[in-house]
Amino acid sequence: MTENARVGSITRSRRPPLVMPTNRVTVALPFSKITVEEPVHELAELAAIVAELAAFVEAAAAEPEATQLRLRAQALAARIR
């Protein structure tokens, strides 16, 4: 055996063994406990802004559709509050 071959075999045998563990993990998600809530405060604020904009549109364009739009927007804002 040559000196290079002997050094190579010694080097290979001194390396730590390669360990590749396999793990399985089961994840349970509590879908039955997830609740969805509406952002009531933000929705009420948005409805109030829409009602104010509808009033501006009615003042700018004196059309019957603008009046109906304002009344609908005000009714929605009152319902949400």
N, C-alpha and C. Protein backbone atom coordinates (compact mmCIF):
# COMPACT_ATOMS: atom_id res chain seq x y z
N MET A 1 0.85 -1.17 0.00
CA MET A 1 0.00 0.00 0.00
C MET A 1 0.90 1.23 0.00
N THR A 2 0.59 2.17 -0.84
CA THR A 2 1.42 3.37 -0.92
C THR A 2 1.08 4.30 0.22
N GLU A 3 1.97 5.24 0.42
CA GLU A 3 1.80 6.19 1.52
C GLU A 3 0.54 7.03 1.33
N ASN A 4 0.24 7.47 0.09
CA ASN A 4 -0.95 8.28 -0.20
C ASN A 4 -2.22 7.47 0.04
N ALA A 5 -2.23 6.21 -0.34
CA ALA A 5 -3.41 5.37 -0.15
C ALA A 5 -3.67 5.16 1.32
N ARG A 6 -2.61 4.95 2.11
CA ARG A 6 -2.76 4.72 3.54
C ARG A 6 -3.28 5.99 4.23
N VAL A 7 -2.79 7.15 3.85
CA VAL A 7 -3.24 8.41 4.44
C VAL A 7 -4.70 8.65 4.08
N GLY A 8 -5.09 8.33 2.83
CA GLY A 8 -6.49 8.50 2.42
C GLY A 8 -7.42 7.59 3.18
N SER A 9 -7.03 6.34 3.44
CA SER A 9 -7.90 5.43 4.17
C SER A 9 -8.00 5.84 5.63
N ILE A 10 -6.94 6.37 6.20
CA ILE A 10 -6.98 6.83 7.60
C ILE A 10 -7.88 8.06 7.70
N THR A 11 -7.79 8.95 6.73
CA THR A 11 -8.61 10.15 6.75
C THR A 11 -10.09 9.79 6.62
N ARG A 12 -10.41 8.86 5.74
CA ARG A 12 -11.81 8.46 5.56
C ARG A 12 -12.36 7.79 6.80
N SER A 13 -11.57 7.01 7.48
CA SER A 13 -12.08 6.29 8.63
C SER A 13 -12.23 7.19 9.85
N ARG A 14 -11.59 8.35 9.88
CA ARG A 14 -11.67 9.25 11.03
C ARG A 14 -12.86 10.21 10.94
N ARG A 15 -13.54 10.27 9.80
CA ARG A 15 -14.70 11.16 9.66
C ARG A 15 -15.86 10.62 10.51
N PRO A 16 -16.60 11.50 11.14
CA PRO A 16 -17.75 11.01 11.92
C PRO A 16 -18.81 10.46 10.96
N PRO A 17 -19.57 9.50 11.41
CA PRO A 17 -20.61 8.95 10.53
C PRO A 17 -21.67 10.00 10.24
N LEU A 18 -22.23 9.94 9.06
CA LEU A 18 -23.27 10.87 8.63
C LEU A 18 -24.60 10.41 9.21
N VAL A 19 -25.23 11.28 9.98
CA VAL A 19 -26.50 10.96 10.62
C VAL A 19 -27.57 11.86 10.02
N MET A 20 -28.59 11.25 9.47
CA MET A 20 -29.70 12.01 8.89
C MET A 20 -31.00 11.51 9.51
N PRO A 21 -31.39 12.07 10.63
CA PRO A 21 -32.61 11.59 11.28
C PRO A 21 -33.84 12.04 10.50
N THR A 22 -34.87 11.26 10.60
CA THR A 22 -36.15 11.63 10.00
C THR A 22 -37.16 11.75 11.13
N ASN A 23 -37.84 12.85 11.16
CA ASN A 23 -38.85 13.09 12.18
C ASN A 23 -40.17 13.41 11.49
N ARG A 24 -41.23 12.95 12.08
CA ARG A 24 -42.56 13.30 11.59
C ARG A 24 -43.27 14.06 12.69
N VAL A 25 -43.88 15.13 12.30
CA VAL A 25 -44.58 15.96 13.27
C VAL A 25 -46.02 16.09 12.81
N THR A 26 -46.93 15.85 13.71
CA THR A 26 -48.34 16.02 13.42
C THR A 26 -48.79 17.33 14.05
N VAL A 27 -49.40 18.17 13.25
CA VAL A 27 -49.88 19.46 13.73
C VAL A 27 -51.40 19.45 13.69
N ALA A 28 -52.00 19.75 14.81
CA ALA A 28 -53.47 19.81 14.89
C ALA A 28 -53.87 21.28 15.00
N LEU A 29 -54.66 21.75 14.07
CA LEU A 29 -55.11 23.14 14.07
C LEU A 29 -56.54 23.20 14.61
N PRO A 30 -56.80 24.11 15.53
CA PRO A 30 -58.14 24.19 16.14
C PRO A 30 -59.13 24.97 15.28
N PHE A 31 -59.53 24.39 14.14
CA PHE A 31 -60.43 25.11 13.25
C PHE A 31 -61.80 25.36 13.88
N SER A 32 -62.21 24.53 14.80
CA SER A 32 -63.51 24.73 15.41
C SER A 32 -63.51 25.91 16.38
N LYS A 33 -62.34 26.36 16.80
CA LYS A 33 -62.27 27.46 17.74
C LYS A 33 -61.98 28.80 17.07
N ILE A 34 -61.81 28.82 15.77
CA ILE A 34 -61.53 30.06 15.06
C ILE A 34 -62.84 30.82 14.86
N THR A 35 -62.84 32.06 15.29
CA THR A 35 -64.04 32.89 15.12
C THR A 35 -63.69 34.08 14.24
N VAL A 36 -64.65 34.48 13.46
CA VAL A 36 -64.47 35.63 12.58
C VAL A 36 -65.42 36.71 13.06
N GLU A 37 -64.86 37.86 13.34
CA GLU A 37 -65.67 38.98 13.80
C GLU A 37 -65.53 40.14 12.84
N GLU A 38 -66.61 40.85 12.66
CA GLU A 38 -66.58 42.01 11.79
C GLU A 38 -66.00 43.20 12.56
N PRO A 39 -65.22 44.02 11.90
CA PRO A 39 -64.72 45.23 12.55
C PRO A 39 -65.84 46.27 12.60
N VAL A 40 -66.70 46.16 13.61
CA VAL A 40 -67.91 46.96 13.67
C VAL A 40 -67.60 48.45 13.72
N HIS A 41 -66.62 48.84 14.49
CA HIS A 41 -66.30 50.27 14.61
C HIS A 41 -65.86 50.85 13.26
N GLU A 42 -64.96 50.14 12.59
CA GLU A 42 -64.46 50.63 11.31
C GLU A 42 -65.56 50.65 10.25
N LEU A 43 -66.43 49.65 10.29
CA LEU A 43 -67.53 49.58 9.33
C LEU A 43 -68.51 50.73 9.55
N ALA A 44 -68.80 51.03 10.81
CA ALA A 44 -69.70 52.15 11.11
C ALA A 44 -69.09 53.47 10.67
N GLU A 45 -67.79 53.62 10.88
CA GLU A 45 -67.11 54.84 10.46
C GLU A 45 -67.13 54.99 8.94
N LEU A 46 -66.90 53.89 8.25
CA LEU A 46 -66.93 53.93 6.79
C LEU A 46 -68.33 54.26 6.28
N ALA A 47 -69.37 53.72 6.90
CA ALA A 47 -70.74 54.02 6.49
C ALA A 47 -71.06 55.50 6.72
N ALA A 48 -70.54 56.07 7.79
CA ALA A 48 -70.76 57.50 8.05
C ALA A 48 -70.07 58.36 7.00
N ILE A 49 -68.87 57.95 6.59
CA ILE A 49 -68.17 58.70 5.54
C ILE A 49 -68.93 58.62 4.22
N VAL A 50 -69.45 57.43 3.90
CA VAL A 50 -70.23 57.28 2.67
C VAL A 50 -71.48 58.15 2.72
N ALA A 51 -72.13 58.23 3.87
CA ALA A 51 -73.32 59.07 4.00
C ALA A 51 -72.97 60.54 3.81
N GLU A 52 -71.84 60.97 4.36
CA GLU A 52 -71.42 62.36 4.16
C GLU A 52 -71.10 62.64 2.70
N LEU A 53 -70.43 61.72 2.04
CA LEU A 53 -70.13 61.90 0.61
C LEU A 53 -71.41 61.94 -0.22
N ALA A 54 -72.38 61.13 0.15
CA ALA A 54 -73.65 61.14 -0.57
C ALA A 54 -74.35 62.48 -0.40
N ALA A 55 -74.20 63.09 0.78
CA ALA A 55 -74.79 64.43 0.99
C ALA A 55 -74.10 65.47 0.11
N PHE A 56 -72.79 65.38 -0.02
CA PHE A 56 -72.06 66.29 -0.91
C PHE A 56 -72.49 66.10 -2.37
N VAL A 57 -72.65 64.86 -2.77
CA VAL A 57 -73.09 64.59 -4.15
C VAL A 57 -74.48 65.16 -4.38
N GLU A 58 -75.34 65.01 -3.39
CA GLU A 58 -76.70 65.55 -3.52
C GLU A 58 -76.66 67.07 -3.65
N ALA A 59 -75.79 67.72 -2.88
CA ALA A 59 -75.70 69.19 -2.95
C ALA A 59 -75.12 69.64 -4.29
N ALA A 60 -74.19 68.86 -4.85
CA ALA A 60 -73.56 69.25 -6.11
C ALA A 60 -74.45 68.94 -7.31
N ALA A 61 -75.17 67.84 -7.25
CA ALA A 61 -76.02 67.44 -8.37
C ALA A 61 -77.43 67.25 -7.85
N ALA A 62 -78.25 68.24 -8.06
CA ALA A 62 -79.62 68.19 -7.55
C ALA A 62 -80.46 67.25 -8.41
N GLU A 63 -80.22 65.99 -8.24
CA GLU A 63 -80.94 64.95 -8.98
C GLU A 63 -81.70 64.09 -7.98
N PRO A 64 -82.81 63.51 -8.40
CA PRO A 64 -83.55 62.63 -7.48
C PRO A 64 -82.74 61.38 -7.09
N GLU A 65 -81.87 60.92 -8.00
CA GLU A 65 -81.05 59.75 -7.68
C GLU A 65 -80.06 60.07 -6.56
N ALA A 66 -79.55 61.29 -6.54
CA ALA A 66 -78.62 61.70 -5.50
C ALA A 66 -79.31 61.74 -4.14
N THR A 67 -80.57 62.20 -4.11
CA THR A 67 -81.32 62.22 -2.86
C THR A 67 -81.58 60.80 -2.37
N GLN A 68 -81.95 59.90 -3.27
CA GLN A 68 -82.18 58.51 -2.88
C GLN A 68 -80.88 57.86 -2.37
N LEU A 69 -79.78 58.18 -3.01
CA LEU A 69 -78.49 57.65 -2.58
C LEU A 69 -78.14 58.14 -1.18
N ARG A 70 -78.38 59.42 -0.92
CA ARG A 70 -78.09 59.96 0.40
C ARG A 70 -78.96 59.31 1.47
N LEU A 71 -80.22 59.13 1.18
CA LEU A 71 -81.13 58.51 2.15
C LEU A 71 -80.73 57.06 2.43
N ARG A 72 -80.35 56.33 1.39
CA ARG A 72 -79.91 54.94 1.59
C ARG A 72 -78.64 54.87 2.42
N ALA A 73 -77.70 55.77 2.13
CA ALA A 73 -76.43 55.78 2.86
C ALA A 73 -76.65 56.16 4.33
N GLN A 74 -77.53 57.13 4.59
CA GLN A 74 -77.83 57.52 5.97
C GLN A 74 -78.53 56.39 6.72
N ALA A 75 -79.44 55.69 6.05
CA ALA A 75 -80.14 54.59 6.69
C ALA A 75 -79.17 53.46 7.04
N LEU A 76 -78.24 53.18 6.14
CA LEU A 76 -77.24 52.14 6.40
C LEU A 76 -76.35 52.53 7.56
N ALA A 77 -75.91 53.79 7.58
CA ALA A 77 -75.04 54.24 8.67
C ALA A 77 -75.78 54.17 10.01
N ALA A 78 -77.06 54.51 10.03
CA ALA A 78 -77.85 54.44 11.28
C ALA A 78 -78.04 52.99 11.72
N ARG A 79 -78.22 52.08 10.79
CA ARG A 79 -78.41 50.67 11.12
C ARG A 79 -77.16 50.05 11.72
N ILE A 80 -76.00 50.44 11.22
CA ILE A 80 -74.74 49.85 11.67
C ILE A 80 -74.35 50.35 13.06
N ARG A 81 -74.67 51.60 13.35
CA ARG A 81 -74.30 52.16 14.65
C ARG A 81 -75.04 51.42 15.69
